[in-house]
């Protein structure tokens, strides 16, 4: 339980994702949804510019949309290749998504202008 999984790799030509590390109360490791794993494998085969092009798609219903869970995977994986620019580009996209999902609060100025 104390060892960190290594970066993702390939086995017999197929991508192999490092398992999740968080455990349930029973001690079982959480597992990714199979569709998410398939999408991560598909995205890992793309050139980075193409992955970024898909990552900026904001509508979930649009073809090519990249789930936020996949973005988090690639952000974590960027630690292994030690590429700060790649990390920052992915992180900004994820943070924009997070900020868009946060409910807007009413400011005191908005109430006065009614």
PDB file of N, CA and C in Angstrom:
ATOM      1  N   UNK A   1       0.825  -1.184   0.000  1.00  0.00           N
ATOM      2  CA  UNK A   1       0.000   0.000   0.000  1.00  0.00           C
ATOM      3  C   UNK A   1       0.865   1.242   0.000  1.00  0.00           C
ATOM      4  N   UNK A   2       2.104   1.217   0.461  1.00  0.00           N
ATOM      5  CA  UNK A   2       2.922   2.394   0.548  1.00  0.00           C
ATOM      6  C   UNK A   2       3.664   2.737  -0.724  1.00  0.00           C
ATOM      7  N   UNK A   3       3.593   1.875  -1.752  1.00  0.00           N
ATOM      8  CA  UNK A   3       4.337   2.169  -2.965  1.00  0.00           C
ATOM      9  C   UNK A   3       3.477   2.956  -3.938  1.00  0.00           C
ATOM     10  N   UNK A   4       4.150   3.873  -4.633  1.00  0.00           N
ATOM     11  CA  UNK A   4       3.454   4.670  -5.630  1.00  0.00           C
ATOM     12  C   UNK A   4       3.481   3.929  -6.949  1.00  0.00           C
ATOM     13  N   UNK A   5       2.351   3.927  -7.680  1.00  0.00           N
ATOM     14  CA  UNK A   5       2.395   3.310  -8.993  1.00  0.00           C
ATOM     15  C   UNK A   5       3.242   4.162  -9.914  1.00  0.00           C
ATOM     16  N   UNK A   6       3.924   3.501 -10.835  1.00  0.00           N
ATOM     17  CA  UNK A   6       4.738   4.235 -11.793  1.00  0.00           C
ATOM     18  C   UNK A   6       3.853   4.891 -12.836  1.00  0.00           C
ATOM     19  N   UNK A   7       4.494   5.566 -13.777  1.00  0.00           N
ATOM     20  CA  UNK A   7       3.706   6.178 -14.841  1.00  0.00           C
ATOM     21  C   UNK A   7       3.070   5.113 -15.708  1.00  0.00           C
ATOM     22  N   UNK A   8       2.129   5.542 -16.502  1.00  0.00           N
ATOM     23  CA  UNK A   8       1.475   4.625 -17.411  1.00  0.00           C
ATOM     24  C   UNK A   8       2.488   4.092 -18.412  1.00  0.00           C
ATOM     25  N   UNK A   9       2.191   2.930 -18.960  1.00  0.00           N
ATOM     26  CA  UNK A   9       3.097   2.338 -19.928  1.00  0.00           C
ATOM     27  C   UNK A   9       2.340   1.496 -20.928  1.00  0.00           C
ATOM     28  N   UNK A  10       3.058   0.603 -21.566  1.00  0.00           N
ATOM     29  CA  UNK A  10       2.457  -0.270 -22.567  1.00  0.00           C
ATOM     30  C   UNK A  10       2.818  -1.707 -22.253  1.00  0.00           C
ATOM     31  N   UNK A  11       1.882  -2.607 -22.495  1.00  0.00           N
ATOM     32  CA  UNK A  11       2.119  -4.033 -22.348  1.00  0.00           C
ATOM     33  C   UNK A  11       1.550  -4.695 -23.596  1.00  0.00           C
ATOM     34  N   UNK A  12       2.391  -5.413 -24.303  1.00  0.00           N
ATOM     35  CA  UNK A  12       1.991  -6.084 -25.548  1.00  0.00           C
ATOM     36  C   UNK A  12       1.376  -5.097 -26.551  1.00  0.00           C
ATOM     37  N   UNK A  13       1.925  -3.874 -26.587  1.00  0.00           N
ATOM     38  CA  UNK A  13       1.443  -2.867 -27.525  1.00  0.00           C
ATOM     39  C   UNK A  13       0.185  -2.147 -27.095  1.00  0.00           C
ATOM     40  N   UNK A  14      -0.393  -2.540 -25.962  1.00  0.00           N
ATOM     41  CA  UNK A  14      -1.614  -1.897 -25.477  1.00  0.00           C
ATOM     42  C   UNK A  14      -1.287  -0.992 -24.299  1.00  0.00           C
ATOM     43  N   UNK A  15      -1.937   0.185 -24.247  1.00  0.00           N
ATOM     44  CA  UNK A  15      -1.664   1.072 -23.123  1.00  0.00           C
ATOM     45  C   UNK A  15      -2.129   0.457 -21.801  1.00  0.00           C
ATOM     46  N   UNK A  16      -1.314   0.615 -20.767  1.00  0.00           N
ATOM     47  CA  UNK A  16      -1.651   0.134 -19.430  1.00  0.00           C
ATOM     48  C   UNK A  16      -1.625   1.347 -18.503  1.00  0.00           C
ATOM     49  N   UNK A  17      -2.745   1.614 -17.866  1.00  0.00           N
ATOM     50  CA  UNK A  17      -2.840   2.757 -16.966  1.00  0.00           C
ATOM     51  C   UNK A  17      -2.483   2.333 -15.558  1.00  0.00           C
ATOM     52  N   UNK A  18      -1.759   3.195 -14.876  1.00  0.00           N
ATOM     53  CA  UNK A  18      -1.463   2.933 -13.468  1.00  0.00           C
ATOM     54  C   UNK A  18      -2.796   2.909 -12.712  1.00  0.00           C
ATOM     55  N   UNK A  19      -2.957   2.004 -11.769  1.00  0.00           N
ATOM     56  CA  UNK A  19      -4.226   1.938 -11.028  1.00  0.00           C
ATOM     57  C   UNK A  19      -4.397   3.171 -10.143  1.00  0.00           C
ATOM     58  N   UNK A  20      -5.640   3.443  -9.809  1.00  0.00           N
ATOM     59  CA  UNK A  20      -5.909   4.511  -8.856  1.00  0.00           C
ATOM     60  C   UNK A  20      -5.330   4.116  -7.507  1.00  0.00           C
ATOM     61  N   UNK A  21      -5.024   5.096  -6.677  1.00  0.00           N
ATOM     62  CA  UNK A  21      -4.390   4.795  -5.389  1.00  0.00           C
ATOM     63  C   UNK A  21      -5.346   4.872  -4.211  1.00  0.00           C
ATOM     64  N   UNK A  22      -6.437   5.605  -4.357  1.00  0.00           N
ATOM     65  CA  UNK A  22      -7.364   5.768  -3.240  1.00  0.00           C
ATOM     66  C   UNK A  22      -8.114   4.462  -3.004  1.00  0.00           C
ATOM     67  N   UNK A  23      -8.370   4.182  -1.723  1.00  0.00           N
ATOM     68  CA  UNK A  23      -9.035   2.929  -1.351  1.00  0.00           C
ATOM     69  C   UNK A  23     -10.379   3.193  -0.685  1.00  0.00           C
ATOM     70  N   UNK A  24     -11.261   2.234  -0.840  1.00  0.00           N
ATOM     71  CA  UNK A  24     -12.551   2.268  -0.138  1.00  0.00           C
ATOM     72  C   UNK A  24     -12.301   1.904   1.325  1.00  0.00           C
ATOM     73  N   UNK A  25     -13.290   2.063   2.151  1.00  0.00           N
ATOM     74  CA  UNK A  25     -13.162   1.691   3.560  1.00  0.00           C
ATOM     75  C   UNK A  25     -12.847   0.205   3.720  1.00  0.00           C
ATOM     76  N   UNK A  26     -13.257  -0.583   2.741  1.00  0.00           N
ATOM     77  CA  UNK A  26     -12.997  -2.027   2.788  1.00  0.00           C
ATOM     78  C   UNK A  26     -11.555  -2.356   2.415  1.00  0.00           C
ATOM     79  N   UNK A  27     -10.805  -1.354   1.933  1.00  0.00           N
ATOM     80  CA  UNK A  27      -9.430  -1.565   1.519  1.00  0.00           C
ATOM     81  C   UNK A  27      -9.273  -1.794   0.027  1.00  0.00           C
ATOM     82  N   UNK A  28     -10.399  -1.969  -0.681  1.00  0.00           N
ATOM     83  CA  UNK A  28     -10.354  -2.159  -2.124  1.00  0.00           C
ATOM     84  C   UNK A  28      -9.949  -0.871  -2.819  1.00  0.00           C
ATOM     85  N   UNK A  29      -9.150  -0.995  -3.868  1.00  0.00           N
ATOM     86  CA  UNK A  29      -8.806   0.172  -4.678  1.00  0.00           C
ATOM     87  C   UNK A  29     -10.017   0.608  -5.489  1.00  0.00           C
ATOM     88  N   UNK A  30     -10.190   1.926  -5.606  1.00  0.00           N
ATOM     89  CA  UNK A  30     -11.191   2.428  -6.538  1.00  0.00           C
ATOM     90  C   UNK A  30     -10.726   2.076  -7.943  1.00  0.00           C
ATOM     91  N   UNK A  31     -11.661   1.936  -8.847  1.00  0.00           N
ATOM     92  CA  UNK A  31     -11.332   1.643 -10.242  1.00  0.00           C
ATOM     93  C   UNK A  31     -11.971   2.689 -11.129  1.00  0.00           C
ATOM     94  N   UNK A  32     -11.300   2.994 -12.231  1.00  0.00           N
ATOM     95  CA  UNK A  32     -11.865   3.917 -13.206  1.00  0.00           C
ATOM     96  C   UNK A  32     -12.990   3.218 -13.964  1.00  0.00           C
ATOM     97  N   UNK A  33     -13.932   3.999 -14.418  1.00  0.00           N
ATOM     98  CA  UNK A  33     -14.962   3.505 -15.313  1.00  0.00           C
ATOM     99  C   UNK A  33     -14.273   3.032 -16.592  1.00  0.00           C
ATOM    100  N   UNK A  34     -14.748   1.962 -17.178  1.00  0.00           N
ATOM    101  CA  UNK A  34     -14.119   1.406 -18.397  1.00  0.00           C
ATOM    102  C   UNK A  34     -14.123   2.406 -19.543  1.00  0.00           C
ATOM    103  N   UNK A  35     -15.195   3.194 -19.653  1.00  0.00           N
ATOM    104  CA  UNK A  35     -15.259   4.194 -20.722  1.00  0.00           C
ATOM    105  C   UNK A  35     -14.191   5.267 -20.530  1.00  0.00           C
ATOM    106  N   UNK A  36     -13.942   5.649 -19.288  1.00  0.00           N
ATOM    107  CA  UNK A  36     -12.904   6.639 -18.996  1.00  0.00           C
ATOM    108  C   UNK A  36     -11.536   6.054 -19.320  1.00  0.00           C
ATOM    109  N   UNK A  37     -11.300   4.812 -18.948  1.00  0.00           N
ATOM    110  CA  UNK A  37     -10.020   4.165 -19.266  1.00  0.00           C
ATOM    111  C   UNK A  37      -9.804   4.095 -20.769  1.00  0.00           C
ATOM    112  N   UNK A  38     -10.854   3.763 -21.512  1.00  0.00           N
ATOM    113  CA  UNK A  38     -10.736   3.687 -22.967  1.00  0.00           C
ATOM    114  C   UNK A  38     -10.432   5.066 -23.551  1.00  0.00           C
ATOM    115  N   UNK A  39     -11.080   6.092 -23.027  1.00  0.00           N
ATOM    116  CA  UNK A  39     -10.839   7.445 -23.516  1.00  0.00           C
ATOM    117  C   UNK A  39      -9.423   7.908 -23.195  1.00  0.00           C
ATOM    118  N   UNK A  40      -8.936   7.608 -22.005  1.00  0.00           N
ATOM    119  CA  UNK A  40      -7.565   7.964 -21.643  1.00  0.00           C
ATOM    120  C   UNK A  40      -6.581   7.288 -22.599  1.00  0.00           C
ATOM    121  N   UNK A  41      -6.796   6.013 -22.894  1.00  0.00           N
ATOM    122  CA  UNK A  41      -5.913   5.286 -23.810  1.00  0.00           C
ATOM    123  C   UNK A  41      -5.959   5.901 -25.204  1.00  0.00           C
ATOM    124  N   UNK A  42      -7.150   6.263 -25.645  1.00  0.00           N
ATOM    125  CA  UNK A  42      -7.309   6.897 -26.959  1.00  0.00           C
ATOM    126  C   UNK A  42      -6.579   8.247 -26.993  1.00  0.00           C
ATOM    127  N   UNK A  43      -6.752   9.035 -25.947  1.00  0.00           N
ATOM    128  CA  UNK A  43      -6.138  10.364 -25.889  1.00  0.00           C
ATOM    129  C   UNK A  43      -4.620  10.287 -25.773  1.00  0.00           C
ATOM    130  N   UNK A  44      -4.126   9.272 -25.074  1.00  0.00           N
ATOM    131  CA  UNK A  44      -2.683   9.124 -24.892  1.00  0.00           C
ATOM    132  C   UNK A  44      -1.970   8.875 -26.223  1.00  0.00           C
ATOM    133  N   UNK A  45      -2.689   8.335 -27.195  1.00  0.00           N
ATOM    134  CA  UNK A  45      -2.098   8.048 -28.494  1.00  0.00           C
ATOM    135  C   UNK A  45      -2.061   9.281 -29.404  1.00  0.00           C
ATOM    136  N   UNK A  46      -2.753  10.343 -28.998  1.00  0.00           N
ATOM    137  CA  UNK A  46      -2.817  11.552 -29.825  1.00  0.00           C
ATOM    138  C   UNK A  46      -1.596  12.434 -29.615  1.00  0.00           C
ATOM    139  N   UNK A  47      -1.247  13.227 -30.631  1.00  0.00           N
ATOM    140  CA  UNK A  47      -0.240  14.271 -30.399  1.00  0.00           C
ATOM    141  C   UNK A  47      -0.786  15.271 -29.374  1.00  0.00           C
ATOM    142  N   UNK A  48       0.092  15.878 -28.608  1.00  0.00           N
ATOM    143  CA  UNK A  48      -0.345  16.776 -27.531  1.00  0.00           C
ATOM    144  C   UNK A  48      -1.206  17.930 -28.035  1.00  0.00           C
ATOM    145  N   UNK A  49      -0.869  18.502 -29.181  1.00  0.00           N
ATOM    146  CA  UNK A  49      -1.676  19.610 -29.697  1.00  0.00           C
ATOM    147  C   UNK A  49      -3.105  19.171 -30.002  1.00  0.00           C
ATOM    148  N   UNK A  50      -3.254  17.955 -30.501  1.00  0.00           N
ATOM    149  CA  UNK A  50      -4.588  17.435 -30.789  1.00  0.00           C
ATOM    150  C   UNK A  50      -5.352  17.180 -29.482  1.00  0.00           C
ATOM    151  N   UNK A  51      -4.673  16.653 -28.483  1.00  0.00           N
ATOM    152  CA  UNK A  51      -5.291  16.449 -27.177  1.00  0.00           C
ATOM    153  C   UNK A  51      -5.758  17.783 -26.600  1.00  0.00           C
ATOM    154  N   UNK A  52      -4.916  18.800 -26.682  1.00  0.00           N
ATOM    155  CA  UNK A  52      -5.296  20.127 -26.182  1.00  0.00           C
ATOM    156  C   UNK A  52      -6.480  20.686 -26.957  1.00  0.00           C
ATOM    157  N   UNK A  53      -6.499  20.463 -28.264  1.00  0.00           N
ATOM    158  CA  UNK A  53      -7.625  20.922 -29.077  1.00  0.00           C
ATOM    159  C   UNK A  53      -8.932  20.298 -28.637  1.00  0.00           C
ATOM    160  N   UNK A  54      -8.879  19.047 -28.274  1.00  0.00           N
ATOM    161  CA  UNK A  54     -10.084  18.381 -27.782  1.00  0.00           C
ATOM    162  C   UNK A  54     -10.413  18.818 -26.359  1.00  0.00           C
ATOM    163  N   UNK A  55      -9.392  19.082 -25.557  1.00  0.00           N
ATOM    164  CA  UNK A  55      -9.612  19.444 -24.151  1.00  0.00           C
ATOM    165  C   UNK A  55     -10.302  20.791 -24.003  1.00  0.00           C
ATOM    166  N   UNK A  56     -10.155  21.675 -24.971  1.00  0.00           N
ATOM    167  CA  UNK A  56     -10.793  22.991 -24.855  1.00  0.00           C
ATOM    168  C   UNK A  56     -12.266  22.968 -25.236  1.00  0.00           C
ATOM    169  N   UNK A  57     -12.755  21.849 -25.726  1.00  0.00           N
ATOM    170  CA  UNK A  57     -14.191  21.720 -26.027  1.00  0.00           C
ATOM    171  C   UNK A  57     -14.941  21.763 -24.705  1.00  0.00           C
ATOM    172  N   UNK A  58     -15.904  22.676 -24.590  1.00  0.00           N
ATOM    173  CA  UNK A  58     -16.568  22.876 -23.307  1.00  0.00           C
ATOM    174  C   UNK A  58     -17.918  22.160 -23.185  1.00  0.00           C
ATOM    175  N   UNK A  59     -18.549  21.856 -24.298  1.00  0.00           N
ATOM    176  CA  UNK A  59     -19.864  21.212 -24.227  1.00  0.00           C
ATOM    177  C   UNK A  59     -19.702  19.700 -24.219  1.00  0.00           C
ATOM    178  N   UNK A  60     -20.254  19.086 -23.201  1.00  0.00           N
ATOM    179  CA  UNK A  60     -20.163  17.625 -23.059  1.00  0.00           C
ATOM    180  C   UNK A  60     -20.810  16.884 -24.214  1.00  0.00           C
ATOM    181  N   UNK A  61     -21.815  17.498 -24.829  1.00  0.00           N
ATOM    182  CA  UNK A  61     -22.527  16.842 -25.920  1.00  0.00           C
ATOM    183  C   UNK A  61     -21.779  16.937 -27.245  1.00  0.00           C
ATOM    184  N   UNK A  62     -20.741  17.749 -27.301  1.00  0.00           N
ATOM    185  CA  UNK A  62     -19.987  17.933 -28.538  1.00  0.00           C
ATOM    186  C   UNK A  62     -19.043  16.759 -28.779  1.00  0.00           C
ATOM    187  N   UNK A  63     -18.941  16.310 -30.025  1.00  0.00           N
ATOM    188  CA  UNK A  63     -18.004  15.215 -30.320  1.00  0.00           C
ATOM    189  C   UNK A  63     -16.572  15.629 -29.960  1.00  0.00           C
ATOM    190  N   UNK A  64     -15.824  14.707 -29.411  1.00  0.00           N
ATOM    191  CA  UNK A  64     -14.436  14.982 -29.063  1.00  0.00           C
ATOM    192  C   UNK A  64     -14.238  15.535 -27.673  1.00  0.00           C
ATOM    193  N   UNK A  65     -15.325  15.764 -26.928  1.00  0.00           N
ATOM    194  CA  UNK A  65     -15.215  16.310 -25.573  1.00  0.00           C
ATOM    195  C   UNK A  65     -14.363  15.369 -24.706  1.00  0.00           C
ATOM    196  N   UNK A  66     -13.486  15.967 -23.912  1.00  0.00           N
ATOM    197  CA  UNK A  66     -12.626  15.210 -23.008  1.00  0.00           C
ATOM    198  C   UNK A  66     -13.152  15.388 -21.592  1.00  0.00           C
ATOM    199  N   UNK A  67     -13.488  14.302 -20.945  1.00  0.00           N
ATOM    200  CA  UNK A  67     -13.998  14.357 -19.577  1.00  0.00           C
ATOM    201  C   UNK A  67     -12.940  14.940 -18.640  1.00  0.00           C
ATOM    202  N   UNK A  68     -13.382  15.675 -17.637  1.00  0.00           N
ATOM    203  CA  UNK A  68     -12.461  16.292 -16.684  1.00  0.00           C
ATOM    204  C   UNK A  68     -11.609  15.252 -15.962  1.00  0.00           C
ATOM    205  N   UNK A  69     -12.160  14.070 -15.727  1.00  0.00           N
ATOM    206  CA  UNK A  69     -11.385  13.002 -15.093  1.00  0.00           C
ATOM    207  C   UNK A  69     -10.158  12.645 -15.938  1.00  0.00           C
ATOM    208  N   UNK A  70     -10.319  12.709 -17.250  1.00  0.00           N
ATOM    209  CA  UNK A  70      -9.191  12.441 -18.142  1.00  0.00           C
ATOM    210  C   UNK A  70      -8.156  13.561 -18.054  1.00  0.00           C
ATOM    211  N   UNK A  71      -8.618  14.800 -17.965  1.00  0.00           N
ATOM    212  CA  UNK A  71      -7.683  15.920 -17.810  1.00  0.00           C
ATOM    213  C   UNK A  71      -6.865  15.761 -16.534  1.00  0.00           C
ATOM    214  N   UNK A  72      -7.528  15.384 -15.452  1.00  0.00           N
ATOM    215  CA  UNK A  72      -6.822  15.183 -14.192  1.00  0.00           C
ATOM    216  C   UNK A  72      -5.764  14.092 -14.361  1.00  0.00           C
ATOM    217  N   UNK A  73      -6.103  13.039 -15.069  1.00  0.00           N
ATOM    218  CA  UNK A  73      -5.130  11.963 -15.313  1.00  0.00           C
ATOM    219  C   UNK A  73      -3.887  12.510 -16.003  1.00  0.00           C
ATOM    220  N   UNK A  74      -4.076  13.301 -17.060  1.00  0.00           N
ATOM    221  CA  UNK A  74      -2.928  13.817 -17.810  1.00  0.00           C
ATOM    222  C   UNK A  74      -2.153  14.869 -17.019  1.00  0.00           C
ATOM    223  N   UNK A  75      -2.838  15.607 -16.166  1.00  0.00           N
ATOM    224  CA  UNK A  75      -2.134  16.553 -15.293  1.00  0.00           C
ATOM    225  C   UNK A  75      -1.229  15.786 -14.337  1.00  0.00           C
ATOM    226  N   UNK A  76      -1.753  14.743 -13.732  1.00  0.00           N
ATOM    227  CA  UNK A  76      -0.936  13.925 -12.818  1.00  0.00           C
ATOM    228  C   UNK A  76       0.213  13.255 -13.559  1.00  0.00           C
ATOM    229  N   UNK A  77      -0.054  12.773 -14.764  1.00  0.00           N
ATOM    230  CA  UNK A  77       0.984  12.095 -15.551  1.00  0.00           C
ATOM    231  C   UNK A  77       2.083  13.062 -15.974  1.00  0.00           C
ATOM    232  N   UNK A  78       1.774  14.351 -16.058  1.00  0.00           N
ATOM    233  CA  UNK A  78       2.782  15.327 -16.491  1.00  0.00           C
ATOM    234  C   UNK A  78       3.927  15.446 -15.488  1.00  0.00           C
ATOM    235  N   UNK A  79       3.702  15.011 -14.255  1.00  0.00           N
ATOM    236  CA  UNK A  79       4.787  15.014 -13.261  1.00  0.00           C
ATOM    237  C   UNK A  79       5.911  14.083 -13.689  1.00  0.00           C
ATOM    238  N   UNK A  80       5.570  12.997 -14.352  1.00  0.00           N
ATOM    239  CA  UNK A  80       6.570  12.001 -14.726  1.00  0.00           C
ATOM    240  C   UNK A  80       7.444  12.445 -15.884  1.00  0.00           C
ATOM    241  N   UNK A  81       6.898  13.289 -16.782  1.00  0.00           N
ATOM    242  CA  UNK A  81       7.746  13.766 -17.876  1.00  0.00           C
ATOM    243  C   UNK A  81       8.334  15.138 -17.559  1.00  0.00           C
ATOM    244  N   UNK A  82       7.976  15.691 -16.397  1.00  0.00           N
ATOM    245  CA  UNK A  82       8.582  16.921 -15.888  1.00  0.00           C
ATOM    246  C   UNK A  82       8.504  18.061 -16.901  1.00  0.00           C
ATOM    247  N   UNK A  83       7.332  18.220 -17.541  1.00  0.00           N
ATOM    248  CA  UNK A  83       7.137  19.257 -18.531  1.00  0.00           C
ATOM    249  C   UNK A  83       6.180  20.297 -17.953  1.00  0.00           C
ATOM    250  N   UNK A  84       6.732  21.371 -17.437  1.00  0.00           N
ATOM    251  CA  UNK A  84       5.940  22.408 -16.768  1.00  0.00           C
ATOM    252  C   UNK A  84       4.945  23.070 -17.724  1.00  0.00           C
ATOM    253  N   UNK A  85       5.356  23.312 -18.965  1.00  0.00           N
ATOM    254  CA  UNK A  85       4.472  23.969 -19.928  1.00  0.00           C
ATOM    255  C   UNK A  85       3.249  23.104 -20.225  1.00  0.00           C
ATOM    256  N   UNK A  86       3.458  21.802 -20.386  1.00  0.00           N
ATOM    257  CA  UNK A  86       2.358  20.861 -20.639  1.00  0.00           C
ATOM    258  C   UNK A  86       1.409  20.843 -19.451  1.00  0.00           C
ATOM    259  N   UNK A  87       1.962  20.772 -18.237  1.00  0.00           N
ATOM    260  CA  UNK A  87       1.158  20.800 -17.022  1.00  0.00           C
ATOM    261  C   UNK A  87       0.304  22.070 -16.982  1.00  0.00           C
ATOM    262  N   UNK A  88       0.922  23.216 -17.206  1.00  0.00           N
ATOM    263  CA  UNK A  88       0.204  24.487 -17.101  1.00  0.00           C
ATOM    264  C   UNK A  88      -0.919  24.605 -18.113  1.00  0.00           C
ATOM    265  N   UNK A  89      -0.704  24.136 -19.323  1.00  0.00           N
ATOM    266  CA  UNK A  89      -1.749  24.212 -20.342  1.00  0.00           C
ATOM    267  C   UNK A  89      -2.954  23.371 -19.942  1.00  0.00           C
ATOM    268  N   UNK A  90      -2.705  22.151 -19.482  1.00  0.00           N
ATOM    269  CA  UNK A  90      -3.802  21.284 -19.044  1.00  0.00           C
ATOM    270  C   UNK A  90      -4.488  21.836 -17.793  1.00  0.00           C
ATOM    271  N   UNK A  91      -3.691  22.326 -16.858  1.00  0.00           N
ATOM    272  CA  UNK A  91      -4.222  22.843 -15.602  1.00  0.00           C
ATOM    273  C   UNK A  91      -5.140  24.039 -15.851  1.00  0.00           C
ATOM    274  N   UNK A  92      -4.745  24.922 -16.742  1.00  0.00           N
ATOM    275  CA  UNK A  92      -5.591  26.091 -17.050  1.00  0.00           C
ATOM    276  C   UNK A  92      -6.934  25.677 -17.624  1.00  0.00           C
ATOM    277  N   UNK A  93      -6.915  24.691 -18.509  1.00  0.00           N
ATOM    278  CA  UNK A  93      -8.172  24.207 -19.088  1.00  0.00           C
ATOM    279  C   UNK A  93      -9.065  23.637 -17.994  1.00  0.00           C
ATOM    280  N   UNK A  94      -8.488  22.833 -17.110  1.00  0.00           N
ATOM    281  CA  UNK A  94      -9.274  22.241 -16.026  1.00  0.00           C
ATOM    282  C   UNK A  94      -9.811  23.328 -15.091  1.00  0.00           C
ATOM    283  N   UNK A  95      -8.979  24.294 -14.743  1.00  0.00           N
ATOM    284  CA  UNK A  95      -9.423  25.361 -13.836  1.00  0.00           C
ATOM    285  C   UNK A  95     -10.523  26.211 -14.461  1.00  0.00           C
ATOM    286  N   UNK A  96     -10.461  26.463 -15.756  1.00  0.00           N
ATOM    287  CA  UNK A  96     -11.537  27.193 -16.433  1.00  0.00           C
ATOM    288  C   UNK A  96     -12.849  26.427 -16.306  1.00  0.00           C
ATOM    289  N   UNK A  97     -12.780  25.105 -16.446  1.00  0.00           N
ATOM    290  CA  UNK A  97     -13.990  24.285 -16.294  1.00  0.00           C
ATOM    291  C   UNK A  97     -14.535  24.383 -14.876  1.00  0.00           C
ATOM    292  N   UNK A  98     -13.644  24.293 -13.912  1.00  0.00           N
ATOM    293  CA  UNK A  98     -14.068  24.360 -12.508  1.00  0.00           C
ATOM    294  C   UNK A  98     -14.721  25.707 -12.237  1.00  0.00           C
ATOM    295  N   UNK A  99     -14.094  26.776 -12.663  1.00  0.00           N
ATOM    296  CA  UNK A  99     -14.631  28.113 -12.410  1.00  0.00           C
ATOM    297  C   UNK A  99     -15.968  28.325 -13.110  1.00  0.00           C
ATOM    298  N   UNK A 100     -16.149  27.760 -14.301  1.00  0.00           N
ATOM    299  CA  UNK A 100     -17.441  27.875 -14.992  1.00  0.00           C
ATOM    300  C   UNK A 100     -18.538  27.127 -14.252  1.00  0.00           C
ATOM    301  N   UNK A 101     -18.168  26.080 -13.526  1.00  0.00           N
ATOM    302  CA  UNK A 101     -19.186  25.273 -12.843  1.00  0.00           C
ATOM    303  C   UNK A 101     -19.575  25.833 -11.475  1.00  0.00           C
ATOM    304  N   UNK A 102     -18.789  26.764 -10.957  1.00  0.00           N
ATOM    305  CA  UNK A 102     -19.084  27.351  -9.651  1.00  0.00           C
ATOM    306  C   UNK A 102     -20.229  28.342  -9.819  1.00  0.00           C
ATOM    307  N   UNK A 103     -21.260  28.247  -8.979  1.00  0.00           N
ATOM    308  CA  UNK A 103     -22.380  29.190  -9.095  1.00  0.00           C
ATOM    309  C   UNK A 103     -21.912  30.627  -8.876  1.00  0.00           C
ATOM    310  N   UNK A 104     -22.478  31.517  -9.647  1.00  0.00           N
ATOM    311  CA  UNK A 104     -22.158  32.938  -9.521  1.00  0.00           C
ATOM    312  C   UNK A 104     -22.879  33.487  -8.300  1.00  0.00           C
ATOM    313  N   UNK A 105     -22.168  34.262  -7.516  1.00  0.00           N
ATOM    314  CA  UNK A 105     -22.817  34.883  -6.364  1.00  0.00           C
ATOM    315  C   UNK A 105     -23.258  36.283  -6.746  1.00  0.00           C
ATOM    316  N   UNK A 106     -24.297  36.728  -6.089  1.00  0.00           N
ATOM    317  CA  UNK A 106     -24.765  38.091  -6.328  1.00  0.00           C
ATOM    318  C   UNK A 106     -23.913  39.035  -5.512  1.00  0.00           C
ATOM    319  N   UNK A 107     -23.458  40.089  -6.159  1.00  0.00           N
ATOM    320  CA  UNK A 107     -22.683  41.080  -5.420  1.00  0.00           C
ATOM    321  C   UNK A 107     -23.640  42.102  -4.827  1.00  0.00           C
ATOM    322  N   UNK A 108     -23.181  42.831  -3.834  1.00  0.00           N
ATOM    323  CA  UNK A 108     -24.028  43.859  -3.221  1.00  0.00           C
ATOM    324  C   UNK A 108     -24.331  44.964  -4.215  1.00  0.00           C
ATOM    325  N   UNK A 109     -23.434  45.231  -5.164  1.00  0.00           N
ATOM    326  CA  UNK A 109     -23.666  46.242  -6.183  1.00  0.00           C
ATOM    327  C   UNK A 109     -24.803  45.831  -7.104  1.00  0.00           C
ATOM    328  N   UNK A 110     -24.898  44.576  -7.433  1.00  0.00           N
ATOM    329  CA  UNK A 110     -25.952  44.099  -8.323  1.00  0.00           C
ATOM    330  C   UNK A 110     -27.324  44.290  -7.698  1.00  0.00           C
ATOM    331  N   UNK A 111     -27.426  44.121  -6.393  1.00  0.00           N
ATOM    332  CA  UNK A 111     -28.728  44.304  -5.732  1.00  0.00           C
ATOM    333  C   UNK A 111     -29.115  45.782  -5.692  1.00  0.00           C
ATOM    334  N   UNK A 112     -28.153  46.665  -5.563  1.00  0.00           N
ATOM    335  CA  UNK A 112     -28.453  48.107  -5.521  1.00  0.00           C
ATOM    336  C   UNK A 112     -28.895  48.642  -6.863  1.00  0.00           C
ATOM    337  N   UNK A 113     -28.455  48.013  -7.950  1.00  0.00           N
ATOM    338  CA  UNK A 113     -28.763  48.518  -9.287  1.00  0.00           C
ATOM    339  C   UNK A 113     -30.087  47.999  -9.831  1.00  0.00           C
ATOM    340  N   UNK A 114     -30.869  47.338  -9.053  1.00  0.00           N
ATOM    341  CA  UNK A 114     -32.159  46.791  -9.521  1.00  0.00           C
ATOM    342  C   UNK A 114     -33.210  47.832  -9.531  1.00  0.00           C
TER     343      UNK A 114
END
